[in-house]
Every structure is written in C-alpha cells, then in structure tokens.
Amino acid sequence: GAAEPRKDRLVFLGDFMWVHVGASKGLSARDQNFADVEIDAKTLAVTALGGYRVVDKGPVVIDLMAGARLNGNKQKIDYHGTLLDLSGSVSKTWVDPIVATRMNAPLGGKFGLSLYGDVGGFGVGSDFTWQALGTVNYQINHRISAGVGWRYFKLNYDDDDGFLYSVAQSGPIIVVRTVL
C-alpha cells in the first residue's frame, strides 16, 4: 500500500509492504515420520519520504525525496522429530535512511509511465538496501488511474549479534491511484 500527499512542489510519500511466508513439510530419512518442520517468516517495511518536485514544467515530472524505512523481521522454526523437539525464533527491528527519486511521463493518450528508485541503509541500519519500481498506468477519469508493473526490493542487514538478513523480493504489482 502507498499514499502520496502533495502541496504545490512539496511531495510526501508513504509505502507499506508486508510479506508473510510459511512452510510446513514432513522430512523423511529411513522412517516416513522422521520429522515435521514448520518455518514462519514475517517481514515489514514502512517507508516515509518527503521531497521536492524538481521538474514541474512540461509533460515529465521528477521528484527528489529523502526519509527513512522502518524494517521488521520475525522468524520462527519448529522441529518435531522422533527423538527431538526444537523451537526457535528471532525478531529484529531497525531503521534505514533512504534517498529516492521518481519520474512520471506520458506515453500517449491516457497512458503514462511511472519510475521510482531508492537506496539506503549506508551502514546506519542495513548495510545496503535498494528498490526499483516501474508501472504503466491508465487514466480512468480525472481522479482515478490504475496500472501494472514490477517491483524489485533488496536488503542486506547484518548486526553485531550474528543476525543476518539478506533478501531480494521481486514480482508484479497492481496500482490504483486516486486524487483526494
């Protein structure tokens, strides 16, 4: 989910991403009921940016922004075997400074292109994080547009306690925008 309030050339952008991945699988060695393993991972990323529309004239607009991303990760594993039962979990939360840019350009008719990219972390929170997002949009009416695109998100976090979180998420997105 995302939200974007704007006043003249001042731009504010908020983005929320939550991913929940889980798996459950029976493992077999000679015995069919050797072990039952459950893995559960939850990731949260909330980005808040403020910036300025540096190109405001003509059909193409460009925004430069800076802010922060709150990251949270919780992982849990349960192992139930014939000889042993083990469980463990870890939870970490950290904040990354972020710089970003966004460009919107018309493609002709009611179609447009939106490109967004950010980089951050810089060793303050994550060692490094970045994402890129592109959508092709269709203007349904003067207030509503919809689009499809692709998002790639990469994060590398390593703390002094031995917690390592290195992930890349990539996939299609659907956007619906409305002007309030």
Protein backbone atom coordinates (compact mmCIF):
# COMPACT_ATOMS: atom_id res chain seq x y z
CA GLY A 1 0.00 0.00 0.00
CA ALA A 2 1.10 3.55 -0.62
CA ALA A 3 -0.08 7.11 -0.05
CA GLU A 4 1.09 10.42 -1.51
CA PRO A 5 0.03 13.83 -0.22
CA ARG A 6 1.33 16.77 -2.26
CA LYS A 7 1.20 20.56 -1.88
CA ASP A 8 2.49 22.58 -4.83
CA ARG A 9 6.03 21.25 -5.34
CA LEU A 10 6.32 19.58 -1.91
CA VAL A 11 5.87 15.82 -2.13
CA PHE A 12 5.35 13.29 0.66
CA LEU A 13 5.30 9.56 0.03
CA GLY A 14 4.44 6.65 2.32
CA ASP A 15 4.79 2.99 1.41
CA PHE A 16 3.82 -0.12 3.37
CA MET A 17 4.99 -3.65 2.48
CA TRP A 18 4.20 -6.78 4.50
CA VAL A 19 5.27 -10.29 3.47
CA HIS A 20 4.32 -13.48 5.30
CA VAL A 21 5.99 -16.71 4.16
CA GLY A 22 5.47 -20.05 5.82
CA ALA A 23 6.13 -23.69 5.04
CA SER A 24 5.36 -27.00 6.64
CA LYS A 25 6.92 -30.22 5.42
CA GLY A 26 7.50 -33.69 6.72
CA LEU A 27 11.11 -34.80 6.32
CA SER A 28 12.00 -38.41 5.74
CA ALA A 29 15.20 -40.32 6.33
CA ARG A 30 14.60 -44.11 6.61
CA ASP A 31 11.39 -43.57 8.57
CA GLN A 32 8.48 -41.80 6.83
CA ASN A 33 7.71 -39.95 10.08
CA PHE A 34 11.29 -38.86 10.81
CA ALA A 35 10.48 -35.19 11.43
CA ASP A 36 7.89 -32.46 10.94
CA VAL A 37 9.27 -28.96 10.31
CA GLU A 38 7.37 -25.66 10.28
CA ILE A 39 9.00 -22.39 9.20
CA ASP A 40 7.32 -18.99 9.51
CA ALA A 41 8.82 -15.64 8.43
CA LYS A 42 7.21 -12.19 8.53
CA THR A 43 8.73 -9.04 7.05
CA LEU A 44 7.50 -5.46 7.41
CA ALA A 45 8.85 -2.39 5.61
CA VAL A 46 7.30 1.06 6.15
CA THR A 47 8.83 3.93 4.16
CA ALA A 48 8.18 7.63 4.82
CA LEU A 49 9.69 10.22 2.45
CA GLY A 50 9.46 13.95 1.92
CA GLY A 51 10.82 15.87 -1.01
CA TYR A 52 10.55 18.41 -3.75
CA ARG A 53 9.31 18.26 -7.34
CA VAL A 54 12.47 19.44 -9.11
CA VAL A 55 10.98 19.22 -12.64
CA ASP A 56 7.43 20.56 -12.71
CA LYS A 57 7.11 22.07 -16.19
CA GLY A 58 6.26 20.06 -19.28
CA PRO A 59 4.89 16.59 -19.55
CA VAL A 60 7.61 14.88 -17.45
CA VAL A 61 7.78 15.46 -13.68
CA ILE A 62 10.65 14.42 -11.40
CA ASP A 63 10.68 14.26 -7.59
CA LEU A 64 13.71 14.02 -5.28
CA MET A 65 12.98 12.71 -1.78
CA ALA A 66 14.66 11.64 1.46
CA GLY A 67 13.39 9.91 4.57
CA ALA A 68 13.53 6.60 6.39
CA ARG A 69 12.37 2.99 6.18
CA LEU A 70 11.34 1.04 9.29
CA ASN A 71 12.18 -2.65 8.81
CA GLY A 72 10.97 -5.52 10.93
CA ASN A 73 11.65 -9.22 10.59
CA LYS A 74 10.40 -12.14 12.68
CA GLN A 75 11.35 -15.75 12.01
CA LYS A 76 10.25 -18.90 13.78
CA ILE A 77 11.08 -22.55 13.27
CA ASP A 78 9.55 -25.62 14.93
CA TYR A 79 11.18 -29.04 14.51
CA HIS A 80 9.33 -32.08 15.82
CA GLY A 81 11.19 -35.35 15.32
CA THR A 82 11.06 -38.86 16.67
CA LEU A 83 13.97 -38.18 19.04
CA LEU A 84 14.00 -34.42 19.41
CA ASP A 85 11.67 -31.38 19.56
CA LEU A 86 13.21 -27.95 18.97
CA SER A 87 11.80 -24.48 18.54
CA GLY A 88 13.45 -21.13 17.99
CA SER A 89 12.60 -17.60 16.97
CA VAL A 90 14.29 -14.29 16.33
CA SER A 91 12.86 -10.81 15.86
CA LYS A 92 14.69 -7.66 14.77
CA THR A 93 13.61 -4.07 14.02
CA TRP A 94 15.80 -1.34 12.52
CA VAL A 95 15.58 1.95 10.63
CA ASP A 96 17.35 2.83 7.37
CA PRO A 97 17.91 6.33 5.97
CA ILE A 98 16.62 6.46 2.37
CA VAL A 99 17.09 8.76 -0.64
CA ALA A 100 14.74 8.37 -3.60
CA THR A 101 13.70 9.72 -6.96
CA ARG A 102 10.56 9.32 -9.02
CA MET A 103 9.63 10.21 -12.58
CA ASN A 104 6.21 10.32 -14.25
CA ALA A 105 5.94 10.67 -18.03
CA PRO A 106 3.08 10.45 -20.54
CA LEU A 107 3.11 7.62 -23.09
CA GLY A 108 0.29 8.92 -25.24
CA GLY A 109 -3.45 9.09 -24.85
CA LYS A 110 -4.50 8.05 -21.35
CA PHE A 111 -1.33 6.01 -20.72
CA GLY A 112 1.66 7.03 -18.62
CA LEU A 113 4.88 5.63 -17.19
CA SER A 114 5.99 5.91 -13.55
CA LEU A 115 9.53 5.00 -12.44
CA TYR A 116 10.70 5.02 -8.81
CA GLY A 117 14.02 4.09 -7.19
CA ASP A 118 15.57 4.38 -3.75
CA VAL A 119 18.80 3.49 -1.98
CA GLY A 120 19.55 3.45 1.71
CA GLY A 121 20.96 1.82 4.78
CA PHE A 122 24.54 3.01 4.28
CA GLY A 123 25.61 1.01 7.35
CA VAL A 124 23.35 3.04 9.66
CA GLY A 125 20.69 0.30 9.78
CA SER A 126 21.10 -2.11 6.90
CA ASP A 127 24.46 -2.43 5.22
CA PHE A 128 22.65 -1.51 2.00
CA THR A 129 19.09 -1.57 0.66
CA TRP A 130 17.59 -0.52 -2.64
CA GLN A 131 14.45 -0.91 -4.69
CA ALA A 132 13.23 -0.13 -8.18
CA LEU A 133 9.64 0.08 -9.34
CA GLY A 134 8.11 0.74 -12.73
CA THR A 135 4.45 0.87 -13.75
CA VAL A 136 2.47 1.59 -16.88
CA ASN A 137 -0.67 3.49 -15.88
CA TYR A 138 -4.04 4.19 -17.43
CA GLN A 139 -6.04 7.33 -16.50
CA ILE A 140 -9.60 6.04 -15.89
CA ASN A 141 -11.02 9.51 -15.18
CA HIS A 142 -9.73 12.84 -13.85
CA ARG A 143 -9.40 11.39 -10.31
CA ILE A 144 -8.52 7.69 -10.72
CA SER A 145 -5.72 5.83 -12.51
CA ALA A 146 -4.72 2.18 -12.46
CA GLY A 147 -1.55 0.43 -13.54
CA VAL A 148 0.54 -2.69 -13.65
CA GLY A 149 4.25 -3.03 -13.19
CA TRP A 150 7.18 -4.71 -11.50
CA ARG A 151 8.91 -4.14 -8.15
CA TYR A 152 12.36 -5.31 -7.08
CA PHE A 153 13.41 -4.88 -3.42
CA LYS A 154 16.82 -5.86 -1.98
CA LEU A 155 18.02 -5.59 1.61
CA ASN A 156 21.24 -6.68 3.35
CA TYR A 157 21.27 -6.39 7.15
CA ASP A 158 23.91 -7.81 9.49
CA ASP A 159 24.17 -6.89 13.17
CA ASP A 160 26.85 -7.48 15.82
CA ASP A 161 24.77 -10.26 17.43
CA GLY A 162 25.14 -12.54 14.40
CA PHE A 163 21.71 -11.83 12.91
CA LEU A 164 21.98 -11.83 9.11
CA TYR A 165 19.06 -10.92 6.86
CA SER A 166 19.77 -10.77 3.15
CA VAL A 167 16.70 -10.87 0.94
CA ALA A 168 15.60 -9.96 -2.57
CA GLN A 169 11.91 -9.75 -3.45
CA SER A 170 10.73 -9.33 -6.99
CA GLY A 171 7.34 -9.52 -8.59
CA PRO A 172 4.41 -7.92 -10.33
CA ILE A 173 2.35 -5.16 -8.74
CA ILE A 174 -1.04 -3.60 -9.38
CA VAL A 175 -1.58 0.07 -8.52
CA VAL A 176 -4.73 2.14 -8.13
CA ARG A 177 -4.31 5.87 -7.53
CA THR A 178 -6.91 8.42 -6.58
CA VAL A 179 -6.69 12.16 -6.13
CA LEU A 180 -8.42 13.34 -2.96
